[in-house]
Amino acid sequence: MTELATNDFTEILEGRRSIRAYDPQVKIPREEMLAMLDEAAKAPSSVNMQPWRFLIVESEEGKATLNPLIRFNKRQNRTSSAMIVVFGDMLCYERAEEIYGKAANGGIMPKLMSKAKLSAIVPTYKRFSRSKMNDVVKIDSSLFAMQFMLVARSHGYDTNPMGGFEEDRVAAAFGLDTERYVPVMIISIGKATAEGHQSVRLPAKDLSWWR
């Protein structure tokens, strides 16, 4: 694993840019990619269900499969170290027992509390409409995605979040269950070949209400 490029949060925050061209010679070791995903997975999620799932497209074959499914982001696909397709798992509650069991066994919460939470959470999730569950997994997976981009920056990599792709085709193209896995966004990652452009942000005072 490479050393962190920085652990200064302000530098990470201010230095993140949406990058569209990368050095195609830079490859990210799988061990480091997994470490970054693990770090980003400290993001919060509803009742800690962690519905985010990742398809890491790094091979030439994988990128060729992805290429016709992305609309305006061909250069990112061609030059990035990897394209990470973030999915939300509509059946994420199937791992609830594993999550809460580990929490109980690790002393994070009492075993009785773990059982009580499981008995309440899983039936509730199963009762959700598809539309409601879709909202839940997309919100949670978006929290993960933003955190991943900051983690990547701390490792010295650059990213670009993308929503312009064929959402209804991407899961099937890679042999994933289209009913279970809902695409949230694609994140390109690699080493930028040029600095990203600065962009304007509206001030909070113009976007806020106080009561």
N, C-alpha and C. Protein backbone atom coordinates (compact mmCIF):
# COMPACT_ATOMS: atom_id res chain seq x y z
N MET A 1 0.84 -1.20 0.00
CA MET A 1 0.00 0.00 0.00
C MET A 1 0.88 1.25 0.00
N THR A 2 0.51 2.25 -0.80
CA THR A 2 1.27 3.48 -0.80
C THR A 2 0.99 4.28 0.47
N GLU A 3 1.93 5.14 0.81
CA GLU A 3 1.72 5.99 1.96
C GLU A 3 0.66 7.05 1.62
N LEU A 4 -0.01 7.53 2.64
CA LEU A 4 -1.01 8.55 2.42
C LEU A 4 -0.35 9.79 1.82
N ALA A 5 -0.98 10.36 0.82
CA ALA A 5 -0.47 11.59 0.24
C ALA A 5 -0.62 12.74 1.23
N THR A 6 -1.68 12.71 2.01
CA THR A 6 -1.90 13.74 3.02
C THR A 6 -2.94 13.23 4.02
N ASN A 7 -2.84 13.70 5.23
CA ASN A 7 -3.90 13.45 6.21
C ASN A 7 -4.46 14.78 6.72
N ASP A 8 -4.19 15.85 5.98
CA ASP A 8 -4.72 17.17 6.31
C ASP A 8 -6.10 17.30 5.67
N PHE A 9 -7.14 17.37 6.50
CA PHE A 9 -8.50 17.32 5.95
C PHE A 9 -8.80 18.51 5.06
N THR A 10 -8.34 19.69 5.43
CA THR A 10 -8.60 20.86 4.60
C THR A 10 -7.96 20.70 3.23
N GLU A 11 -6.76 20.17 3.20
CA GLU A 11 -6.08 19.93 1.93
C GLU A 11 -6.82 18.90 1.09
N ILE A 12 -7.32 17.85 1.76
CA ILE A 12 -8.10 16.82 1.05
C ILE A 12 -9.38 17.44 0.47
N LEU A 13 -10.07 18.21 1.29
CA LEU A 13 -11.35 18.80 0.89
C LEU A 13 -11.17 19.81 -0.25
N GLU A 14 -10.19 20.69 -0.09
CA GLU A 14 -9.96 21.73 -1.10
C GLU A 14 -9.30 21.17 -2.35
N GLY A 15 -8.57 20.07 -2.21
CA GLY A 15 -7.84 19.52 -3.34
C GLY A 15 -8.64 18.58 -4.21
N ARG A 16 -9.80 18.15 -3.72
CA ARG A 16 -10.60 17.23 -4.53
C ARG A 16 -11.19 17.97 -5.72
N ARG A 17 -11.01 17.39 -6.90
CA ARG A 17 -11.59 17.94 -8.12
C ARG A 17 -12.19 16.79 -8.93
N SER A 18 -13.12 17.10 -9.80
CA SER A 18 -13.67 16.10 -10.70
C SER A 18 -12.74 16.01 -11.91
N ILE A 19 -12.02 14.90 -11.99
CA ILE A 19 -10.97 14.73 -13.00
C ILE A 19 -11.49 13.88 -14.16
N ARG A 20 -11.20 14.30 -15.36
CA ARG A 20 -11.71 13.60 -16.55
C ARG A 20 -10.63 12.92 -17.37
N ALA A 21 -9.34 13.15 -17.05
CA ALA A 21 -8.25 12.50 -17.78
C ALA A 21 -7.20 12.04 -16.78
N TYR A 22 -6.79 10.79 -16.91
CA TYR A 22 -5.84 10.18 -15.96
C TYR A 22 -4.64 9.61 -16.71
N ASP A 23 -3.62 9.30 -15.92
CA ASP A 23 -2.44 8.62 -16.46
C ASP A 23 -2.79 7.14 -16.62
N PRO A 24 -2.91 6.65 -17.84
CA PRO A 24 -3.34 5.25 -18.04
C PRO A 24 -2.30 4.22 -17.59
N GLN A 25 -1.08 4.67 -17.31
CA GLN A 25 -0.03 3.75 -16.86
C GLN A 25 -0.14 3.43 -15.36
N VAL A 26 -0.91 4.23 -14.64
CA VAL A 26 -1.02 4.05 -13.19
C VAL A 26 -2.07 2.98 -12.88
N LYS A 27 -1.64 1.95 -12.20
CA LYS A 27 -2.55 0.89 -11.76
C LYS A 27 -2.59 0.89 -10.23
N ILE A 28 -3.76 0.73 -9.68
CA ILE A 28 -3.91 0.71 -8.22
C ILE A 28 -3.91 -0.74 -7.76
N PRO A 29 -2.98 -1.12 -6.86
CA PRO A 29 -2.98 -2.50 -6.35
C PRO A 29 -4.32 -2.85 -5.70
N ARG A 30 -4.74 -4.07 -5.87
CA ARG A 30 -6.04 -4.47 -5.32
C ARG A 30 -6.08 -4.33 -3.81
N GLU A 31 -4.95 -4.58 -3.15
CA GLU A 31 -4.91 -4.46 -1.70
C GLU A 31 -5.20 -3.02 -1.27
N GLU A 32 -4.64 -2.07 -2.02
CA GLU A 32 -4.88 -0.67 -1.70
C GLU A 32 -6.31 -0.26 -2.03
N MET A 33 -6.82 -0.76 -3.13
CA MET A 33 -8.21 -0.45 -3.48
C MET A 33 -9.16 -0.96 -2.39
N LEU A 34 -8.93 -2.18 -1.94
CA LEU A 34 -9.78 -2.73 -0.87
C LEU A 34 -9.63 -1.93 0.41
N ALA A 35 -8.41 -1.48 0.70
CA ALA A 35 -8.19 -0.66 1.90
C ALA A 35 -8.97 0.65 1.80
N MET A 36 -8.96 1.27 0.64
CA MET A 36 -9.71 2.52 0.47
C MET A 36 -11.21 2.29 0.60
N LEU A 37 -11.70 1.19 0.03
CA LEU A 37 -13.12 0.88 0.16
C LEU A 37 -13.50 0.64 1.62
N ASP A 38 -12.62 -0.05 2.35
CA ASP A 38 -12.88 -0.29 3.78
C ASP A 38 -12.90 1.02 4.56
N GLU A 39 -11.99 1.91 4.24
CA GLU A 39 -11.95 3.21 4.94
C GLU A 39 -13.23 3.99 4.65
N ALA A 40 -13.63 4.01 3.38
CA ALA A 40 -14.83 4.75 2.99
C ALA A 40 -16.08 4.16 3.61
N ALA A 41 -16.06 2.85 3.88
CA ALA A 41 -17.23 2.17 4.44
C ALA A 41 -17.47 2.52 5.91
N LYS A 42 -16.68 3.43 6.45
CA LYS A 42 -16.98 3.95 7.78
C LYS A 42 -18.06 5.03 7.69
N ALA A 43 -18.53 5.29 6.48
CA ALA A 43 -19.66 6.21 6.29
C ALA A 43 -20.88 5.66 7.02
N PRO A 44 -21.77 6.56 7.44
CA PRO A 44 -22.99 6.09 8.11
C PRO A 44 -23.97 5.49 7.12
N SER A 45 -24.84 4.62 7.64
CA SER A 45 -25.94 4.08 6.84
C SER A 45 -27.10 3.79 7.77
N SER A 46 -28.29 3.74 7.21
CA SER A 46 -29.49 3.50 8.01
C SER A 46 -29.37 2.18 8.76
N VAL A 47 -29.53 2.25 10.07
CA VAL A 47 -29.41 1.11 10.99
C VAL A 47 -28.19 0.24 10.66
N ASN A 48 -27.16 0.86 10.12
CA ASN A 48 -25.88 0.21 9.82
C ASN A 48 -26.02 -0.97 8.86
N MET A 49 -26.95 -0.88 7.91
CA MET A 49 -27.15 -1.98 6.98
C MET A 49 -26.13 -2.01 5.85
N GLN A 50 -25.38 -0.91 5.65
CA GLN A 50 -24.28 -0.89 4.69
C GLN A 50 -24.68 -1.47 3.33
N PRO A 51 -25.65 -0.87 2.65
CA PRO A 51 -26.17 -1.47 1.42
C PRO A 51 -25.28 -1.29 0.20
N TRP A 52 -24.17 -0.57 0.34
CA TRP A 52 -23.29 -0.33 -0.81
C TRP A 52 -22.58 -1.60 -1.26
N ARG A 53 -22.51 -1.76 -2.57
CA ARG A 53 -21.78 -2.86 -3.20
C ARG A 53 -20.97 -2.27 -4.34
N PHE A 54 -19.85 -2.90 -4.69
CA PHE A 54 -18.93 -2.29 -5.65
C PHE A 54 -18.58 -3.24 -6.79
N LEU A 55 -18.66 -2.74 -7.99
CA LEU A 55 -18.13 -3.44 -9.15
C LEU A 55 -16.91 -2.64 -9.60
N ILE A 56 -15.73 -3.22 -9.49
CA ILE A 56 -14.49 -2.52 -9.81
C ILE A 56 -14.06 -2.95 -11.20
N VAL A 57 -14.21 -2.05 -12.15
CA VAL A 57 -13.91 -2.36 -13.54
C VAL A 57 -12.51 -1.83 -13.85
N GLU A 58 -11.54 -2.73 -13.95
CA GLU A 58 -10.16 -2.31 -14.16
C GLU A 58 -9.51 -2.97 -15.37
N SER A 59 -10.05 -4.08 -15.85
CA SER A 59 -9.46 -4.78 -16.98
C SER A 59 -9.89 -4.14 -18.30
N GLU A 60 -9.12 -4.40 -19.35
CA GLU A 60 -9.49 -3.90 -20.67
C GLU A 60 -10.83 -4.49 -21.11
N GLU A 61 -11.04 -5.76 -20.80
CA GLU A 61 -12.29 -6.41 -21.15
C GLU A 61 -13.47 -5.76 -20.42
N GLY A 62 -13.27 -5.52 -19.13
CA GLY A 62 -14.33 -4.90 -18.34
C GLY A 62 -14.66 -3.50 -18.84
N LYS A 63 -13.62 -2.73 -19.16
CA LYS A 63 -13.85 -1.37 -19.65
C LYS A 63 -14.53 -1.38 -21.01
N ALA A 64 -14.20 -2.38 -21.82
CA ALA A 64 -14.87 -2.49 -23.12
C ALA A 64 -16.35 -2.78 -22.95
N THR A 65 -16.70 -3.58 -21.93
CA THR A 65 -18.10 -3.86 -21.63
C THR A 65 -18.81 -2.61 -21.14
N LEU A 66 -18.11 -1.82 -20.33
CA LEU A 66 -18.71 -0.62 -19.75
C LEU A 66 -18.84 0.51 -20.77
N ASN A 67 -17.95 0.58 -21.71
CA ASN A 67 -17.84 1.73 -22.60
C ASN A 67 -19.14 2.13 -23.30
N PRO A 68 -19.90 1.20 -23.89
CA PRO A 68 -21.13 1.62 -24.56
C PRO A 68 -22.25 2.04 -23.60
N LEU A 69 -22.03 1.84 -22.31
CA LEU A 69 -23.06 2.15 -21.32
C LEU A 69 -22.87 3.52 -20.68
N ILE A 70 -21.75 4.19 -21.00
CA ILE A 70 -21.50 5.51 -20.44
C ILE A 70 -21.62 6.53 -21.55
N ARG A 71 -22.22 7.66 -21.24
CA ARG A 71 -22.63 8.59 -22.29
C ARG A 71 -21.57 9.64 -22.61
N PHE A 72 -21.11 10.34 -21.59
CA PHE A 72 -20.22 11.48 -21.81
C PHE A 72 -18.87 11.30 -21.11
N ASN A 73 -18.57 10.08 -20.73
CA ASN A 73 -17.40 9.86 -19.87
C ASN A 73 -16.44 8.83 -20.44
N LYS A 74 -16.32 8.82 -21.76
CA LYS A 74 -15.48 7.82 -22.42
C LYS A 74 -14.01 7.97 -22.03
N ARG A 75 -13.55 9.21 -21.89
CA ARG A 75 -12.14 9.44 -21.58
C ARG A 75 -11.79 8.92 -20.19
N GLN A 76 -12.70 9.13 -19.24
CA GLN A 76 -12.45 8.59 -17.90
C GLN A 76 -12.33 7.07 -17.95
N ASN A 77 -13.21 6.45 -18.70
CA ASN A 77 -13.19 4.99 -18.80
C ASN A 77 -11.89 4.51 -19.45
N ARG A 78 -11.44 5.23 -20.45
CA ARG A 78 -10.25 4.83 -21.20
C ARG A 78 -8.96 5.01 -20.40
N THR A 79 -8.86 6.09 -19.60
CA THR A 79 -7.58 6.43 -18.98
C THR A 79 -7.48 6.12 -17.49
N SER A 80 -8.60 5.94 -16.81
CA SER A 80 -8.57 5.75 -15.35
C SER A 80 -7.93 4.43 -14.95
N SER A 81 -7.48 4.36 -13.71
CA SER A 81 -7.00 3.09 -13.16
C SER A 81 -8.16 2.11 -13.03
N ALA A 82 -9.31 2.62 -12.68
CA ALA A 82 -10.50 1.78 -12.52
C ALA A 82 -11.75 2.64 -12.56
N MET A 83 -12.84 2.01 -12.92
CA MET A 83 -14.17 2.62 -12.84
C MET A 83 -14.94 1.82 -11.79
N ILE A 84 -15.37 2.48 -10.75
CA ILE A 84 -16.07 1.79 -9.67
C ILE A 84 -17.57 2.07 -9.81
N VAL A 85 -18.31 1.03 -10.11
CA VAL A 85 -19.77 1.16 -10.20
C VAL A 85 -20.33 0.85 -8.81
N VAL A 86 -20.93 1.85 -8.20
CA VAL A 86 -21.51 1.69 -6.87
C VAL A 86 -22.97 1.28 -7.01
N PHE A 87 -23.31 0.17 -6.42
CA PHE A 87 -24.69 -0.33 -6.41
C PHE A 87 -25.25 -0.28 -5.00
N GLY A 88 -26.58 -0.18 -4.92
CA GLY A 88 -27.28 -0.36 -3.66
C GLY A 88 -27.94 -1.72 -3.67
N ASP A 89 -27.76 -2.48 -2.59
CA ASP A 89 -28.32 -3.83 -2.49
C ASP A 89 -29.71 -3.77 -1.88
N MET A 90 -30.71 -4.10 -2.68
CA MET A 90 -32.10 -4.04 -2.22
C MET A 90 -32.41 -5.11 -1.17
N LEU A 91 -31.54 -6.11 -1.05
CA LEU A 91 -31.72 -7.15 -0.03
C LEU A 91 -30.59 -7.08 1.01
N CYS A 92 -30.13 -5.88 1.26
CA CYS A 92 -29.01 -5.71 2.20
C CYS A 92 -29.31 -6.27 3.58
N TYR A 93 -30.58 -6.32 3.96
CA TYR A 93 -30.94 -6.82 5.29
C TYR A 93 -30.64 -8.30 5.46
N GLU A 94 -30.33 -9.00 4.38
CA GLU A 94 -29.97 -10.41 4.50
C GLU A 94 -28.64 -10.58 5.26
N ARG A 95 -27.87 -9.51 5.38
CA ARG A 95 -26.61 -9.57 6.13
C ARG A 95 -26.74 -8.92 7.51
N ALA A 96 -27.98 -8.63 7.91
CA ALA A 96 -28.21 -7.98 9.20
C ALA A 96 -27.71 -8.83 10.36
N GLU A 97 -27.98 -10.13 10.30
CA GLU A 97 -27.55 -11.01 11.39
C GLU A 97 -26.03 -11.04 11.51
N GLU A 98 -25.35 -11.04 10.38
CA GLU A 98 -23.89 -11.01 10.39
C GLU A 98 -23.38 -9.71 11.02
N ILE A 99 -23.98 -8.58 10.63
CA ILE A 99 -23.54 -7.28 11.13
C ILE A 99 -23.78 -7.16 12.63
N TYR A 100 -25.01 -7.46 13.05
CA TYR A 100 -25.34 -7.30 14.46
C TYR A 100 -24.72 -8.39 15.32
N GLY A 101 -24.52 -9.57 14.74
CA GLY A 101 -23.83 -10.63 15.47
C GLY A 101 -22.40 -10.26 15.77
N LYS A 102 -21.72 -9.68 14.79
CA LYS A 102 -20.34 -9.24 15.02
C LYS A 102 -20.29 -8.11 16.03
N ALA A 103 -21.27 -7.23 15.99
CA ALA A 103 -21.31 -6.14 16.97
C ALA A 103 -21.47 -6.68 18.38
N ALA A 104 -22.32 -7.69 18.52
CA ALA A 104 -22.53 -8.29 19.85
C ALA A 104 -21.29 -9.06 20.31
N ASN A 105 -20.73 -9.87 19.42
CA ASN A 105 -19.56 -10.67 19.78
C ASN A 105 -18.33 -9.81 20.05
N GLY A 106 -18.30 -8.64 19.42
CA GLY A 106 -17.16 -7.74 19.62
C GLY A 106 -17.34 -6.80 20.78
N GLY A 107 -18.44 -6.93 21.50
CA GLY A 107 -18.67 -6.09 22.67
C GLY A 107 -19.13 -4.68 22.34
N ILE A 108 -19.52 -4.45 21.09
CA ILE A 108 -19.98 -3.12 20.69
C ILE A 108 -21.38 -2.83 21.23
N MET A 109 -22.19 -3.89 21.32
CA MET A 109 -23.52 -3.75 21.91
C MET A 109 -23.88 -5.05 22.63
N PRO A 110 -24.71 -4.99 23.67
CA PRO A 110 -25.12 -6.21 24.38
C PRO A 110 -25.86 -7.17 23.43
N LYS A 111 -25.71 -8.46 23.68
CA LYS A 111 -26.33 -9.46 22.81
C LYS A 111 -27.84 -9.34 22.80
N LEU A 112 -28.43 -9.02 23.95
CA LEU A 112 -29.89 -8.87 23.99
C LEU A 112 -30.35 -7.70 23.12
N MET A 113 -29.57 -6.62 23.13
CA MET A 113 -29.90 -5.46 22.30
C MET A 113 -29.76 -5.82 20.83
N SER A 114 -28.74 -6.59 20.51
CA SER A 114 -28.53 -7.01 19.13
C SER A 114 -29.73 -7.82 18.63
N LYS A 115 -30.18 -8.76 19.43
CA LYS A 115 -31.33 -9.58 19.05
C LYS A 115 -32.60 -8.73 18.92
N ALA A 116 -32.77 -7.79 19.83
CA ALA A 116 -33.96 -6.94 19.78
C ALA A 116 -33.96 -6.07 18.52
N LYS A 117 -32.80 -5.54 18.18
CA LYS A 117 -32.71 -4.72 16.98
C LYS A 117 -33.00 -5.55 15.72
N LEU A 118 -32.43 -6.75 15.68
CA LEU A 118 -32.67 -7.62 14.53
C LEU A 118 -34.15 -7.94 14.36
N SER A 119 -34.80 -8.21 15.46
CA SER A 119 -36.22 -8.59 15.39
C SER A 119 -37.09 -7.43 14.94
N ALA A 120 -36.59 -6.20 15.09
CA ALA A 120 -37.35 -5.02 14.66
C ALA A 120 -36.96 -4.57 13.27
N ILE A 121 -35.66 -4.59 12.98
CA ILE A 121 -35.15 -4.01 11.73
C ILE A 121 -35.49 -4.86 10.51
N VAL A 122 -35.21 -6.15 10.58
CA VAL A 122 -35.37 -7.00 9.40
C VAL A 122 -36.82 -7.02 8.91
N PRO A 123 -37.81 -7.24 9.80
CA PRO A 123 -39.20 -7.22 9.31
C PRO A 123 -39.59 -5.85 8.73
N THR A 124 -39.07 -4.78 9.32
CA THR A 124 -39.37 -3.44 8.81
C THR A 124 -38.84 -3.27 7.40
N TYR A 125 -37.61 -3.67 7.18
CA TYR A 125 -37.00 -3.56 5.85
C TYR A 125 -37.77 -4.43 4.83
N LYS A 126 -38.18 -5.59 5.24
CA LYS A 126 -38.91 -6.48 4.33
C LYS A 126 -40.26 -5.89 3.93
N ARG A 127 -40.83 -5.05 4.79
CA ARG A 127 -42.13 -4.44 4.49
C ARG A 127 -42.01 -3.21 3.59
N PHE A 128 -40.81 -2.68 3.43
CA PHE A 128 -40.65 -1.49 2.61
C PHE A 128 -41.09 -1.77 1.17
N SER A 129 -41.72 -0.78 0.57
CA SER A 129 -42.02 -0.87 -0.87
C SER A 129 -40.71 -0.80 -1.64
N ARG A 130 -40.74 -1.21 -2.89
CA ARG A 130 -39.52 -1.12 -3.70
C ARG A 130 -39.04 0.32 -3.82
N SER A 131 -39.97 1.24 -3.97
CA SER A 131 -39.62 2.65 -4.08
C SER A 131 -38.93 3.16 -2.82
N LYS A 132 -39.46 2.79 -1.65
CA LYS A 132 -38.87 3.21 -0.38
C LYS A 132 -37.48 2.60 -0.21
N MET A 133 -37.35 1.31 -0.52
CA MET A 133 -36.05 0.65 -0.37
C MET A 133 -35.04 1.25 -1.33
N ASN A 134 -35.48 1.59 -2.52
CA ASN A 134 -34.62 2.23 -3.51
C ASN A 134 -34.06 3.54 -2.95
N ASP A 135 -34.92 4.32 -2.30
CA ASP A 135 -34.47 5.58 -1.69
C ASP A 135 -33.44 5.33 -0.61
N VAL A 136 -33.70 4.35 0.25
CA VAL A 136 -32.80 4.06 1.36
C VAL A 136 -31.41 3.68 0.87
N VAL A 137 -31.36 2.72 -0.06
CA VAL A 137 -30.04 2.24 -0.50
C VAL A 137 -29.30 3.29 -1.31
N LYS A 138 -30.02 4.14 -2.03
CA LYS A 138 -29.33 5.17 -2.80
C LYS A 138 -28.79 6.28 -1.91
N ILE A 139 -29.53 6.67 -0.90
CA ILE A 139 -29.03 7.68 0.03
C ILE A 139 -27.78 7.15 0.75
N ASP A 140 -27.88 5.95 1.29
CA ASP A 140 -26.75 5.39 2.03
C ASP A 140 -25.53 5.19 1.13
N SER A 141 -25.74 4.68 -0.07
CA SER A 141 -24.63 4.43 -0.98
C SER A 141 -23.99 5.73 -1.47
N SER A 142 -24.77 6.80 -1.53
CA SER A 142 -24.22 8.10 -1.91
C SER A 142 -23.33 8.65 -0.79
N LEU A 143 -23.70 8.39 0.46
CA LEU A 143 -22.83 8.79 1.57
C LEU A 143 -21.48 8.07 1.46
N PHE A 144 -21.54 6.77 1.14
CA PHE A 144 -20.30 6.02 0.94
C PHE A 144 -19.48 6.62 -0.20
N ALA A 145 -20.14 6.92 -1.31
CA ALA A 145 -19.44 7.38 -2.50
C ALA A 145 -18.69 8.68 -2.24
N MET A 146 -19.31 9.62 -1.56
CA MET A 146 -18.63 10.87 -1.26
C MET A 146 -17.43 10.63 -0.36
N GLN A 147 -17.61 9.78 0.62
CA GLN A 147 -16.50 9.48 1.52
C GLN A 147 -15.35 8.79 0.77
N PHE A 148 -15.71 7.92 -0.18
CA PHE A 148 -14.67 7.24 -0.95
C PHE A 148 -13.83 8.24 -1.74
N MET A 149 -14.45 9.25 -2.31
CA MET A 149 -13.69 10.23 -3.08
C MET A 149 -12.71 11.00 -2.21
N LEU A 150 -13.09 11.27 -0.98
CA LEU A 150 -12.17 11.95 -0.05
C LEU A 150 -11.06 11.00 0.39
N VAL A 151 -11.40 9.76 0.64
CA VAL A 151 -10.38 8.76 1.01
C VAL A 151 -9.38 8.60 -0.14
N ALA A 152 -9.89 8.50 -1.36
CA ALA A 152 -9.01 8.36 -2.51
C ALA A 152 -8.04 9.53 -2.60
N ARG A 153 -8.54 10.72 -2.34
CA ARG A 153 -7.68 11.91 -2.37
C ARG A 153 -6.59 11.81 -1.31
N SER A 154 -6.93 11.29 -0.16
CA SER A 154 -5.93 11.16 0.91
C SER A 154 -4.83 10.16 0.53
N HIS A 155 -5.15 9.23 -0.36
CA HIS A 155 -4.17 8.26 -0.85
C HIS A 155 -3.39 8.78 -2.06
N GLY A 156 -3.72 9.99 -2.50
CA GLY A 156 -3.02 10.57 -3.63
C GLY A 156 -3.66 10.31 -4.97
N TYR A 157 -4.90 9.84 -4.99
CA TYR A 157 -5.60 9.57 -6.24
C TYR A 157 -6.68 10.62 -6.48
N ASP A 158 -7.14 10.68 -7.70
CA ASP A 158 -8.17 11.63 -8.09
C ASP A 158 -9.40 10.86 -8.57
N THR A 159 -10.54 11.51 -8.56
CA THR A 159 -11.80 10.83 -8.87
C THR A 159 -12.74 11.73 -9.66
N ASN A 160 -13.79 11.12 -10.17
CA ASN A 160 -14.86 11.85 -10.84
C ASN A 160 -16.15 11.04 -10.68
N PRO A 161 -17.16 11.60 -9.99
CA PRO A 161 -18.44 10.90 -9.89
C PRO A 161 -19.26 11.11 -11.15
N MET A 162 -19.93 10.07 -11.61
CA MET A 162 -20.68 10.14 -12.87
C MET A 162 -22.07 9.56 -12.71
N GLY A 163 -23.04 10.29 -13.23
CA GLY A 163 -24.41 9.79 -13.25
C GLY A 163 -24.91 9.53 -14.66
N GLY A 164 -24.12 9.92 -15.66
CA GLY A 164 -24.54 9.76 -17.05
C GLY A 164 -24.18 8.39 -17.61
N PHE A 165 -24.99 7.40 -17.30
CA PHE A 165 -24.77 6.05 -17.83
C PHE A 165 -26.11 5.33 -17.92
N GLU A 166 -26.09 4.19 -18.59
CA GLU A 166 -27.33 3.44 -18.81
C GLU A 166 -27.66 2.62 -17.57
N GLU A 167 -28.39 3.24 -16.66
CA GLU A 167 -28.68 2.63 -15.37
C GLU A 167 -29.44 1.31 -15.51
N ASP A 168 -30.28 1.21 -16.52
CA ASP A 168 -31.10 0.02 -16.67
C ASP A 168 -30.37 -1.15 -17.32
N ARG A 169 -29.11 -0.93 -17.74
CA ARG A 169 -28.38 -1.98 -18.45
C ARG A 169 -27.09 -2.41 -17.76
N VAL A 170 -26.57 -1.58 -16.86
CA VAL A 170 -25.21 -1.83 -16.36
C VAL A 170 -25.11 -3.09 -15.52
N ALA A 171 -26.08 -3.38 -14.68
CA ALA A 171 -26.01 -4.59 -13.85
C ALA A 171 -26.03 -5.84 -14.71
N ALA A 172 -26.95 -5.89 -15.65
CA ALA A 172 -27.07 -7.07 -16.53
C ALA A 172 -25.81 -7.27 -17.37
N ALA A 173 -25.18 -6.18 -17.79
CA ALA A 173 -23.99 -6.28 -18.63
C ALA A 173 -22.86 -7.02 -17.93
N PHE A 174 -22.87 -6.98 -16.61
CA PHE A 174 -21.82 -7.65 -15.84
C PHE A 174 -22.34 -8.87 -15.08
N GLY A 175 -23.52 -9.33 -15.47
CA GLY A 175 -24.06 -10.56 -14.90
C GLY A 175 -24.59 -10.44 -13.49
N LEU A 176 -24.99 -9.24 -13.10
CA LEU A 176 -25.53 -9.04 -11.76
C LEU A 176 -27.06 -9.06 -11.79
N ASP A 177 -27.66 -9.39 -10.66
CA ASP A 177 -29.11 -9.45 -10.52
C ASP A 177 -29.69 -8.04 -10.64
N THR A 178 -30.45 -7.80 -11.70
CA THR A 178 -30.96 -6.46 -11.96
C THR A 178 -32.05 -6.02 -10.99
N GLU A 179 -32.73 -6.99 -10.39
CA GLU A 179 -33.76 -6.65 -9.40
C GLU A 179 -33.15 -6.31 -8.05
N ARG A 180 -32.05 -6.96 -7.75
CA ARG A 180 -31.43 -6.79 -6.43
C ARG A 180 -30.49 -5.60 -6.37
N TYR A 181 -29.69 -5.39 -7.41
CA TYR A 181 -28.63 -4.39 -7.36
C TYR A 181 -29.01 -3.16 -8.19
N VAL A 182 -29.18 -2.04 -7.49
CA VAL A 182 -29.60 -0.79 -8.10
C VAL A 182 -28.37 0.10 -8.30
N PRO A 183 -28.06 0.50 -9.53
CA PRO A 183 -26.90 1.36 -9.75
C PRO A 183 -27.11 2.75 -9.18
N VAL A 184 -26.10 3.25 -8.50
CA VAL A 184 -26.19 4.56 -7.85
C VAL A 184 -25.34 5.58 -8.61
N MET A 185 -24.08 5.28 -8.83
CA MET A 185 -23.19 6.14 -9.61
C MET A 185 -21.95 5.36 -9.99
N ILE A 186 -21.19 5.94 -10.90
CA ILE A 186 -19.89 5.40 -11.27
C ILE A 186 -18.84 6.41 -10.86
N ILE A 187 -17.76 5.93 -10.27
CA ILE A 187 -16.65 6.80 -9.86
C ILE A 187 -15.39 6.36 -10.60
N SER A 188 -14.82 7.26 -11.39
CA SER A 188 -13.52 6.96 -11.99
C SER A 188 -12.45 7.31 -10.96
N ILE A 189 -11.33 6.57 -11.00
CA ILE A 189 -10.25 6.82 -10.05
C ILE A 189 -8.91 6.59 -10.75
N GLY A 190 -7.94 7.42 -10.43
CA GLY A 190 -6.61 7.28 -11.00
C GLY A 190 -5.77 8.48 -10.63
N LYS A 191 -4.69 8.69 -11.37
CA LYS A 191 -3.79 9.83 -11.18
C LYS A 191 -4.07 10.85 -12.28
N ALA A 192 -4.46 12.04 -11.89
CA ALA A 192 -4.79 13.08 -12.87
C ALA A 192 -3.57 13.46 -13.69
N THR A 193 -3.79 13.75 -14.98
CA THR A 193 -2.70 14.22 -15.83
C THR A 193 -2.64 15.75 -15.85
N ALA A 194 -3.66 16.40 -15.29
CA ALA A 194 -3.67 17.86 -15.17
C ALA A 194 -4.57 18.22 -13.99
N GLU A 195 -4.36 19.41 -13.45
CA GLU A 195 -5.19 19.85 -12.33
C GLU A 195 -6.63 20.04 -12.78
N GLY A 196 -7.53 19.67 -11.92
CA GLY A 196 -8.94 19.87 -12.24
C GLY A 196 -9.32 21.34 -12.12
N HIS A 197 -10.38 21.71 -12.83
CA HIS A 197 -10.83 23.10 -12.80
C HIS A 197 -11.50 23.41 -11.46
N GLN A 198 -11.30 24.64 -11.00
CA GLN A 198 -12.07 25.09 -9.85
C GLN A 198 -13.50 25.37 -10.32
N SER A 199 -14.42 25.35 -9.38
CA SER A 199 -15.81 25.62 -9.73
C SER A 199 -16.45 26.48 -8.66
N VAL A 200 -17.51 27.13 -9.05
CA VAL A 200 -18.21 28.05 -8.15
C VAL A 200 -19.15 27.29 -7.24
N ARG A 201 -19.22 27.68 -5.99
CA ARG A 201 -20.18 27.13 -5.04
C ARG A 201 -21.04 28.28 -4.51
N LEU A 202 -22.33 28.08 -4.48
CA LEU A 202 -23.23 29.09 -3.93
C LEU A 202 -23.02 29.18 -2.42
N PRO A 203 -23.08 30.37 -1.87
CA PRO A 203 -22.87 30.53 -0.42
C PRO A 203 -24.05 29.98 0.38
N ALA A 204 -23.72 29.40 1.52
CA ALA A 204 -24.75 28.80 2.37
C ALA A 204 -25.81 29.81 2.79
N LYS A 205 -25.39 31.05 2.95
CA LYS A 205 -26.36 32.07 3.41
C LYS A 205 -27.48 32.29 2.40
N ASP A 206 -27.22 31.95 1.13
CA ASP A 206 -28.26 32.12 0.11
C ASP A 206 -29.11 30.88 -0.07
N LEU A 207 -28.79 29.83 0.64
CA LEU A 207 -29.47 28.54 0.47
C LEU A 207 -30.11 28.03 1.74
N SER A 208 -30.10 28.86 2.77
CA SER A 208 -30.52 28.39 4.10
C SER A 208 -31.71 29.16 4.62
N TRP A 209 -32.53 28.47 5.40
CA TRP A 209 -33.61 29.11 6.15
C TRP A 209 -33.30 28.96 7.64
N TRP A 210 -33.61 29.95 8.39
CA TRP A 210 -33.43 29.90 9.85
C TRP A 210 -34.77 30.11 10.52
N ARG A 211 -35.06 29.31 11.50
CA ARG A 211 -36.33 29.45 12.22
C ARG A 211 -36.06 29.49 13.72
